[in-house]
């Protein structure tokens, strides 16, 4: 009876790993897809503009900063993710803005948003490795004394 309980718990553990991996995969693909889509839309219909930095959220070294830029021509502000660490409040920057959605913008010259796309996809690779290691059901093993049971029953 104890072996059945252990196998049942293992089954629930594997199921939990698979469900968690599915949720994490959805989040990672949404994050990377959103960044790729924003880059594509700005490449298609974005217009250059001058903006003023209104707020800066500095992060740790190696991570992208969040910068709020006021785009005067399109009216309103937009939060931009940038690897630049030299921006302060009041600086004037070149931005590319989607005229249909002024909240969609990026700093001119930042290039392809590789951090927002590649890092989540690397996370997806790690999820796949994790699921490959811990997300499998084991094949049931025959009891160690199965051979003895067959011989014992035949005699």
N, C-alpha and C. Protein backbone atom coordinates (compact mmCIF):
# COMPACT_ATOMS: atom_id res chain seq x y z
N UNK A 1 0.82 -1.20 0.00
CA UNK A 1 0.00 0.00 0.00
C UNK A 1 0.86 1.26 0.00
N UNK A 2 2.00 1.21 0.70
CA UNK A 2 2.89 2.37 0.79
C UNK A 2 3.46 2.72 -0.59
N UNK A 3 3.78 1.74 -1.41
CA UNK A 3 4.33 1.98 -2.75
C UNK A 3 3.30 2.71 -3.61
N UNK A 4 2.03 2.37 -3.44
CA UNK A 4 0.97 3.05 -4.20
C UNK A 4 0.88 4.51 -3.82
N UNK A 5 1.02 4.80 -2.55
CA UNK A 5 0.94 6.17 -2.07
C UNK A 5 2.11 6.99 -2.61
N UNK A 6 3.29 6.40 -2.62
CA UNK A 6 4.47 7.09 -3.13
C UNK A 6 4.30 7.37 -4.62
N UNK A 7 3.81 6.42 -5.39
CA UNK A 7 3.59 6.62 -6.82
C UNK A 7 2.51 7.68 -7.06
N UNK A 8 1.50 7.72 -6.21
CA UNK A 8 0.45 8.73 -6.34
C UNK A 8 1.02 10.11 -6.08
N UNK A 9 1.85 10.25 -5.05
CA UNK A 9 2.47 11.53 -4.76
C UNK A 9 3.41 11.94 -5.89
N UNK A 10 4.14 10.99 -6.44
CA UNK A 10 5.03 11.28 -7.56
C UNK A 10 4.22 11.77 -8.76
N UNK A 11 3.07 11.15 -9.00
CA UNK A 11 2.22 11.54 -10.12
C UNK A 11 1.75 12.99 -9.94
N UNK A 12 1.34 13.34 -8.72
CA UNK A 12 0.91 14.72 -8.46
C UNK A 12 2.07 15.70 -8.60
N UNK A 13 3.25 15.31 -8.18
CA UNK A 13 4.43 16.16 -8.33
C UNK A 13 4.76 16.42 -9.79
N UNK A 14 4.72 15.38 -10.61
CA UNK A 14 4.99 15.53 -12.04
C UNK A 14 3.92 16.41 -12.69
N UNK A 15 2.68 16.21 -12.31
CA UNK A 15 1.60 17.02 -12.85
C UNK A 15 1.79 18.49 -12.46
N UNK A 16 2.19 18.75 -11.24
CA UNK A 16 2.44 20.12 -10.78
C UNK A 16 3.58 20.76 -11.57
N UNK A 17 4.65 20.00 -11.82
CA UNK A 17 5.78 20.52 -12.60
C UNK A 17 5.32 20.87 -14.01
N UNK A 18 4.51 20.01 -14.62
CA UNK A 18 4.05 20.27 -15.98
C UNK A 18 3.13 21.48 -16.06
N UNK A 19 2.23 21.63 -15.11
CA UNK A 19 1.33 22.79 -15.11
C UNK A 19 2.13 24.07 -14.88
N UNK A 20 3.06 24.05 -13.92
CA UNK A 20 3.88 25.23 -13.66
C UNK A 20 4.71 25.58 -14.90
N UNK A 21 5.24 24.59 -15.58
CA UNK A 21 6.03 24.84 -16.79
C UNK A 21 5.16 25.44 -17.89
N UNK A 22 3.92 24.97 -18.01
CA UNK A 22 3.02 25.52 -19.01
C UNK A 22 2.71 26.99 -18.72
N UNK A 23 2.46 27.32 -17.47
CA UNK A 23 2.20 28.71 -17.09
C UNK A 23 3.43 29.58 -17.34
N UNK A 24 4.60 29.10 -16.92
CA UNK A 24 5.83 29.87 -17.13
C UNK A 24 6.13 30.06 -18.62
N UNK A 25 5.86 29.05 -19.42
CA UNK A 25 6.06 29.15 -20.86
C UNK A 25 5.15 30.22 -21.45
N UNK A 26 3.90 30.26 -21.01
CA UNK A 26 2.98 31.28 -21.49
C UNK A 26 3.44 32.68 -21.14
N UNK A 27 3.91 32.87 -19.92
CA UNK A 27 4.39 34.19 -19.49
C UNK A 27 5.64 34.59 -20.27
N UNK A 28 6.57 33.67 -20.43
CA UNK A 28 7.81 33.97 -21.14
C UNK A 28 7.53 34.30 -22.61
N UNK A 29 6.69 33.51 -23.26
CA UNK A 29 6.38 33.78 -24.67
C UNK A 29 5.63 35.09 -24.83
N UNK A 30 4.76 35.42 -23.88
CA UNK A 30 4.04 36.69 -23.94
C UNK A 30 5.00 37.86 -23.80
N UNK A 31 5.95 37.77 -22.89
CA UNK A 31 6.92 38.84 -22.67
C UNK A 31 7.79 39.05 -23.92
N UNK A 32 8.35 37.98 -24.43
CA UNK A 32 9.21 38.09 -25.61
C UNK A 32 8.41 38.51 -26.84
N UNK A 33 7.22 37.96 -26.99
CA UNK A 33 6.38 38.32 -28.14
C UNK A 33 5.95 39.76 -28.10
N UNK A 34 5.63 40.27 -26.92
CA UNK A 34 5.24 41.67 -26.79
C UNK A 34 6.38 42.60 -27.18
N UNK A 35 7.58 42.30 -26.73
CA UNK A 35 8.74 43.13 -27.08
C UNK A 35 9.01 43.08 -28.58
N UNK A 36 8.92 41.90 -29.17
CA UNK A 36 9.14 41.76 -30.61
C UNK A 36 8.07 42.50 -31.39
N UNK A 37 6.81 42.42 -30.94
CA UNK A 37 5.72 43.10 -31.63
C UNK A 37 5.88 44.62 -31.55
N UNK A 38 6.22 45.13 -30.37
CA UNK A 38 6.43 46.57 -30.23
C UNK A 38 7.54 47.06 -31.15
N UNK A 39 8.64 46.30 -31.22
CA UNK A 39 9.74 46.66 -32.09
C UNK A 39 9.30 46.66 -33.55
N UNK A 40 8.52 45.67 -33.93
CA UNK A 40 8.02 45.58 -35.31
C UNK A 40 7.11 46.76 -35.64
N UNK A 41 6.16 47.07 -34.76
CA UNK A 41 5.22 48.17 -35.01
C UNK A 41 5.97 49.50 -35.09
N UNK A 42 6.93 49.71 -34.19
CA UNK A 42 7.70 50.96 -34.25
C UNK A 42 8.54 51.04 -35.52
N UNK A 43 9.01 49.92 -36.00
CA UNK A 43 9.76 49.91 -37.25
C UNK A 43 8.88 50.22 -38.45
N UNK A 44 7.62 49.84 -38.38
CA UNK A 44 6.70 50.06 -39.50
C UNK A 44 6.10 51.46 -39.51
N UNK A 45 5.62 51.94 -38.36
CA UNK A 45 4.90 53.22 -38.38
C UNK A 45 5.42 54.24 -37.37
N UNK A 46 6.54 53.98 -36.74
CA UNK A 46 7.09 54.92 -35.77
C UNK A 46 7.62 56.18 -36.43
N UNK A 47 7.47 57.30 -35.75
CA UNK A 47 7.96 58.58 -36.25
C UNK A 47 8.94 59.17 -35.24
N UNK A 48 10.02 59.77 -35.74
CA UNK A 48 11.01 60.35 -34.83
C UNK A 48 10.48 61.61 -34.15
N UNK A 49 10.93 61.86 -32.94
CA UNK A 49 10.51 63.02 -32.18
C UNK A 49 11.58 63.33 -31.15
N UNK A 50 11.54 64.52 -30.59
CA UNK A 50 12.40 64.90 -29.47
C UNK A 50 11.55 64.81 -28.22
N UNK A 51 12.12 64.26 -27.18
CA UNK A 51 11.40 64.14 -25.93
C UNK A 51 12.24 64.58 -24.76
N UNK A 52 11.57 64.86 -23.67
CA UNK A 52 12.25 65.27 -22.44
C UNK A 52 12.07 64.18 -21.40
N UNK A 53 13.14 63.81 -20.74
CA UNK A 53 13.09 62.78 -19.71
C UNK A 53 12.38 63.37 -18.49
N UNK A 54 11.31 62.72 -18.07
CA UNK A 54 10.51 63.17 -16.93
C UNK A 54 10.89 62.41 -15.66
N UNK A 55 11.15 61.13 -15.80
CA UNK A 55 11.50 60.30 -14.64
C UNK A 55 12.42 59.18 -15.09
N UNK A 56 13.29 58.75 -14.18
CA UNK A 56 14.21 57.66 -14.47
C UNK A 56 14.19 56.69 -13.30
N UNK A 57 14.05 55.41 -13.59
CA UNK A 57 14.17 54.36 -12.58
C UNK A 57 15.46 53.60 -12.87
N UNK A 58 16.50 53.95 -12.13
CA UNK A 58 17.78 53.27 -12.32
C UNK A 58 17.71 51.89 -11.68
N UNK A 59 18.29 50.93 -12.36
CA UNK A 59 18.34 49.56 -11.86
C UNK A 59 19.79 49.18 -11.62
N UNK A 60 19.98 47.94 -11.27
CA UNK A 60 21.34 47.47 -11.01
C UNK A 60 22.13 47.40 -12.32
N UNK A 61 23.45 47.41 -12.23
CA UNK A 61 24.28 47.32 -13.44
C UNK A 61 23.96 46.04 -14.22
N UNK A 62 23.90 46.19 -15.54
CA UNK A 62 23.60 45.05 -16.39
C UNK A 62 22.12 44.89 -16.69
N UNK A 63 21.28 45.64 -15.99
CA UNK A 63 19.83 45.57 -16.23
C UNK A 63 19.39 46.88 -16.88
N UNK A 64 18.31 46.81 -17.64
CA UNK A 64 17.81 47.98 -18.35
C UNK A 64 17.10 48.94 -17.39
N UNK A 65 17.27 50.23 -17.66
CA UNK A 65 16.57 51.27 -16.89
C UNK A 65 15.20 51.52 -17.50
N UNK A 66 14.29 52.04 -16.67
CA UNK A 66 12.97 52.47 -17.13
C UNK A 66 12.98 54.00 -17.11
N UNK A 67 12.66 54.60 -18.25
CA UNK A 67 12.70 56.05 -18.40
C UNK A 67 11.35 56.52 -18.90
N UNK A 68 10.80 57.54 -18.22
CA UNK A 68 9.55 58.15 -18.69
C UNK A 68 9.92 59.38 -19.52
N UNK A 69 9.45 59.39 -20.77
CA UNK A 69 9.78 60.45 -21.71
C UNK A 69 8.50 61.18 -22.10
N UNK A 70 8.54 62.52 -22.05
CA UNK A 70 7.43 63.35 -22.49
C UNK A 70 7.63 63.65 -23.97
N UNK A 71 6.71 63.19 -24.80
CA UNK A 71 6.77 63.45 -26.24
C UNK A 71 5.80 64.58 -26.55
N UNK A 72 6.33 65.75 -26.76
CA UNK A 72 5.51 66.95 -26.92
C UNK A 72 4.62 66.88 -28.17
N UNK A 73 5.17 66.44 -29.27
CA UNK A 73 4.42 66.45 -30.53
C UNK A 73 3.23 65.50 -30.50
N UNK A 74 3.37 64.38 -29.82
CA UNK A 74 2.30 63.39 -29.80
C UNK A 74 1.45 63.47 -28.54
N UNK A 75 1.84 64.33 -27.63
CA UNK A 75 1.05 64.54 -26.42
C UNK A 75 1.10 63.36 -25.47
N UNK A 76 1.61 63.57 -24.30
CA UNK A 76 1.65 62.52 -23.31
C UNK A 76 3.04 61.99 -23.06
N UNK A 77 3.10 61.06 -22.14
CA UNK A 77 4.39 60.46 -21.79
C UNK A 77 4.38 58.98 -22.14
N UNK A 78 5.57 58.44 -22.25
CA UNK A 78 5.73 57.02 -22.55
C UNK A 78 6.86 56.47 -21.69
N UNK A 79 6.66 55.27 -21.15
CA UNK A 79 7.72 54.57 -20.42
C UNK A 79 8.54 53.79 -21.43
N UNK A 80 9.85 53.96 -21.36
CA UNK A 80 10.77 53.33 -22.29
C UNK A 80 11.78 52.50 -21.50
N UNK A 81 12.07 51.31 -21.98
CA UNK A 81 13.11 50.48 -21.39
C UNK A 81 14.37 50.66 -22.22
N UNK A 82 15.46 51.01 -21.56
CA UNK A 82 16.70 51.29 -22.29
C UNK A 82 17.92 50.79 -21.52
N UNK A 83 18.94 50.34 -22.23
CA UNK A 83 20.17 49.94 -21.54
C UNK A 83 21.05 51.13 -21.15
N UNK A 84 20.70 52.33 -21.62
CA UNK A 84 21.49 53.53 -21.32
C UNK A 84 21.41 53.87 -19.84
N UNK A 85 22.57 54.19 -19.25
CA UNK A 85 22.63 54.54 -17.83
C UNK A 85 22.97 56.01 -17.62
N UNK A 86 23.09 56.77 -18.71
CA UNK A 86 23.54 58.16 -18.61
C UNK A 86 22.40 59.18 -18.61
N UNK A 87 21.16 58.74 -18.51
CA UNK A 87 20.02 59.66 -18.60
C UNK A 87 19.61 60.17 -17.22
N UNK A 88 19.27 61.44 -17.16
CA UNK A 88 18.77 62.07 -15.94
C UNK A 88 17.53 62.89 -16.29
N UNK A 89 16.78 63.26 -15.27
CA UNK A 89 15.58 64.06 -15.46
C UNK A 89 15.96 65.39 -16.10
N UNK A 90 15.21 65.76 -17.13
CA UNK A 90 15.45 67.01 -17.83
C UNK A 90 16.26 66.86 -19.10
N UNK A 91 16.89 65.70 -19.32
CA UNK A 91 17.66 65.48 -20.55
C UNK A 91 16.72 65.43 -21.75
N UNK A 92 17.23 65.91 -22.89
CA UNK A 92 16.48 65.83 -24.14
C UNK A 92 17.02 64.64 -24.93
N UNK A 93 16.10 63.80 -25.41
CA UNK A 93 16.50 62.58 -26.12
C UNK A 93 15.70 62.45 -27.42
N UNK A 94 16.26 61.71 -28.37
CA UNK A 94 15.53 61.37 -29.59
C UNK A 94 14.75 60.09 -29.34
N UNK A 95 13.47 60.13 -29.69
CA UNK A 95 12.61 58.97 -29.49
C UNK A 95 11.91 58.62 -30.80
N UNK A 96 11.46 57.38 -30.89
CA UNK A 96 10.62 56.94 -31.99
C UNK A 96 9.28 56.59 -31.35
N UNK A 97 8.21 57.22 -31.85
CA UNK A 97 6.89 57.09 -31.23
C UNK A 97 5.89 56.58 -32.26
N UNK A 98 5.00 55.71 -31.82
CA UNK A 98 3.89 55.26 -32.65
C UNK A 98 2.80 56.33 -32.56
N UNK A 99 2.46 57.02 -33.67
CA UNK A 99 1.48 58.09 -33.59
C UNK A 99 0.08 57.60 -33.21
N UNK A 100 -0.22 56.35 -33.49
CA UNK A 100 -1.53 55.80 -33.12
C UNK A 100 -1.60 55.44 -31.64
N UNK A 101 -0.46 55.15 -31.05
CA UNK A 101 -0.39 54.78 -29.62
C UNK A 101 0.88 55.41 -29.04
N UNK A 102 0.79 56.68 -28.60
CA UNK A 102 1.98 57.37 -28.11
C UNK A 102 2.65 56.70 -26.91
N UNK A 103 1.96 55.80 -26.23
CA UNK A 103 2.59 55.09 -25.11
C UNK A 103 3.60 54.07 -25.61
N UNK A 104 3.53 53.71 -26.90
CA UNK A 104 4.50 52.78 -27.48
C UNK A 104 5.64 53.61 -28.08
N UNK A 105 6.78 53.56 -27.45
CA UNK A 105 7.91 54.36 -27.90
C UNK A 105 9.22 53.67 -27.51
N UNK A 106 10.31 54.12 -28.10
CA UNK A 106 11.64 53.66 -27.72
C UNK A 106 12.63 54.78 -28.02
N UNK A 107 13.74 54.73 -27.36
CA UNK A 107 14.78 55.73 -27.63
C UNK A 107 15.42 55.41 -28.97
N UNK A 108 15.62 56.44 -29.78
CA UNK A 108 16.25 56.24 -31.08
C UNK A 108 17.68 55.76 -30.86
N UNK A 109 18.09 54.79 -31.64
CA UNK A 109 19.45 54.29 -31.54
C UNK A 109 19.64 53.17 -30.54
N UNK A 110 18.60 52.77 -29.82
CA UNK A 110 18.74 51.66 -28.88
C UNK A 110 18.85 50.32 -29.60
N UNK A 111 18.38 50.27 -30.83
CA UNK A 111 18.49 49.04 -31.61
C UNK A 111 17.46 48.00 -31.23
N UNK A 112 17.70 46.80 -31.71
CA UNK A 112 16.77 45.70 -31.49
C UNK A 112 16.71 45.37 -30.01
N UNK A 113 15.52 45.17 -29.44
CA UNK A 113 15.41 44.92 -27.99
C UNK A 113 15.80 43.49 -27.63
N UNK A 114 17.09 43.17 -27.79
CA UNK A 114 17.54 41.79 -27.59
C UNK A 114 17.35 41.34 -26.16
N UNK A 115 17.51 42.24 -25.21
CA UNK A 115 17.36 41.82 -23.81
C UNK A 115 15.92 41.42 -23.50
N UNK A 116 14.97 42.16 -24.06
CA UNK A 116 13.57 41.85 -23.79
C UNK A 116 13.10 40.61 -24.55
N UNK A 117 13.85 40.16 -25.53
CA UNK A 117 13.45 38.99 -26.31
C UNK A 117 14.30 37.77 -25.97
N UNK A 118 15.62 37.92 -25.98
CA UNK A 118 16.51 36.78 -25.81
C UNK A 118 16.51 36.27 -24.37
N UNK A 119 16.49 37.16 -23.40
CA UNK A 119 16.52 36.71 -22.01
C UNK A 119 15.27 35.88 -21.67
N UNK A 120 14.05 36.31 -22.04
CA UNK A 120 12.90 35.42 -21.78
C UNK A 120 12.99 34.09 -22.52
N UNK A 121 13.52 34.11 -23.74
CA UNK A 121 13.64 32.85 -24.47
C UNK A 121 14.70 31.93 -23.83
N UNK A 122 15.72 32.51 -23.24
CA UNK A 122 16.69 31.72 -22.48
C UNK A 122 16.00 31.10 -21.26
N UNK A 123 15.13 31.88 -20.63
CA UNK A 123 14.33 31.34 -19.53
C UNK A 123 13.47 30.18 -19.99
N UNK A 124 12.93 30.28 -21.20
CA UNK A 124 12.12 29.18 -21.74
C UNK A 124 12.97 27.93 -21.93
N UNK A 125 14.21 28.10 -22.35
CA UNK A 125 15.11 26.95 -22.49
C UNK A 125 15.36 26.30 -21.13
N UNK A 126 15.55 27.12 -20.10
CA UNK A 126 15.74 26.57 -18.75
C UNK A 126 14.49 25.83 -18.26
N UNK A 127 13.31 26.35 -18.58
CA UNK A 127 12.06 25.66 -18.23
C UNK A 127 12.02 24.31 -18.92
N UNK A 128 12.39 24.26 -20.19
CA UNK A 128 12.39 23.00 -20.93
C UNK A 128 13.34 21.98 -20.31
N UNK A 129 14.52 22.43 -19.90
CA UNK A 129 15.48 21.53 -19.25
C UNK A 129 14.91 21.04 -17.92
N UNK A 130 14.31 21.94 -17.15
CA UNK A 130 13.72 21.57 -15.86
C UNK A 130 12.61 20.54 -16.04
N UNK A 131 11.75 20.76 -17.02
CA UNK A 131 10.65 19.82 -17.26
C UNK A 131 11.19 18.49 -17.77
N UNK A 132 12.22 18.56 -18.61
CA UNK A 132 12.82 17.31 -19.10
C UNK A 132 13.40 16.48 -17.97
N UNK A 133 13.92 17.15 -16.94
CA UNK A 133 14.52 16.41 -15.83
C UNK A 133 13.49 15.95 -14.80
N UNK A 134 12.55 16.83 -14.45
CA UNK A 134 11.62 16.52 -13.36
C UNK A 134 10.18 16.29 -13.80
N UNK A 135 9.88 16.44 -15.05
CA UNK A 135 8.50 16.34 -15.48
C UNK A 135 8.13 15.06 -16.19
N UNK A 136 8.79 13.96 -15.84
CA UNK A 136 8.48 12.68 -16.48
C UNK A 136 7.94 11.69 -15.47
N UNK A 137 7.01 10.89 -15.96
CA UNK A 137 6.55 9.78 -15.14
C UNK A 137 7.51 8.62 -15.33
N UNK A 138 7.84 7.97 -14.24
CA UNK A 138 8.71 6.80 -14.34
C UNK A 138 7.89 5.59 -14.75
N UNK A 139 8.55 4.74 -15.50
CA UNK A 139 7.92 3.46 -15.83
C UNK A 139 7.89 2.61 -14.56
N UNK A 140 6.75 1.97 -14.29
CA UNK A 140 6.72 1.14 -13.08
C UNK A 140 7.71 -0.01 -13.20
N UNK A 141 8.45 -0.22 -12.13
CA UNK A 141 9.43 -1.30 -12.12
C UNK A 141 8.79 -2.53 -11.51
N UNK A 142 9.09 -3.70 -12.08
CA UNK A 142 8.55 -4.93 -11.48
C UNK A 142 9.19 -5.16 -10.12
N UNK A 143 8.48 -5.79 -9.23
CA UNK A 143 9.07 -6.05 -7.91
C UNK A 143 10.37 -6.85 -8.06
N UNK A 144 11.29 -6.61 -7.15
CA UNK A 144 12.60 -7.27 -7.22
C UNK A 144 12.48 -8.78 -7.09
N UNK A 145 11.48 -9.25 -6.38
CA UNK A 145 11.34 -10.69 -6.19
C UNK A 145 10.28 -11.28 -7.11
N UNK A 146 9.99 -10.66 -8.26
CA UNK A 146 8.99 -11.18 -9.18
C UNK A 146 9.39 -12.54 -9.72
N UNK A 147 10.67 -12.72 -9.98
CA UNK A 147 11.16 -14.00 -10.49
C UNK A 147 10.92 -15.10 -9.46
N UNK A 148 11.11 -14.75 -8.19
CA UNK A 148 10.89 -15.71 -7.11
C UNK A 148 9.41 -16.07 -7.03
N UNK A 149 8.53 -15.08 -7.23
CA UNK A 149 7.09 -15.35 -7.15
C UNK A 149 6.66 -16.31 -8.24
N UNK A 150 7.18 -16.15 -9.45
CA UNK A 150 6.80 -17.02 -10.56
C UNK A 150 7.32 -18.43 -10.30
N UNK A 151 8.58 -18.55 -9.89
CA UNK A 151 9.12 -19.88 -9.61
C UNK A 151 8.39 -20.51 -8.43
N UNK A 152 8.12 -19.70 -7.44
CA UNK A 152 7.48 -20.26 -6.26
C UNK A 152 6.06 -20.76 -6.54
N UNK A 153 5.36 -20.07 -7.45
CA UNK A 153 3.99 -20.46 -7.77
C UNK A 153 3.94 -21.68 -8.69
N UNK A 154 5.01 -21.90 -9.48
CA UNK A 154 5.02 -22.98 -10.44
C UNK A 154 5.35 -24.31 -9.80
N UNK A 155 5.98 -24.30 -8.66
CA UNK A 155 6.39 -25.59 -8.07
C UNK A 155 5.37 -26.16 -7.17
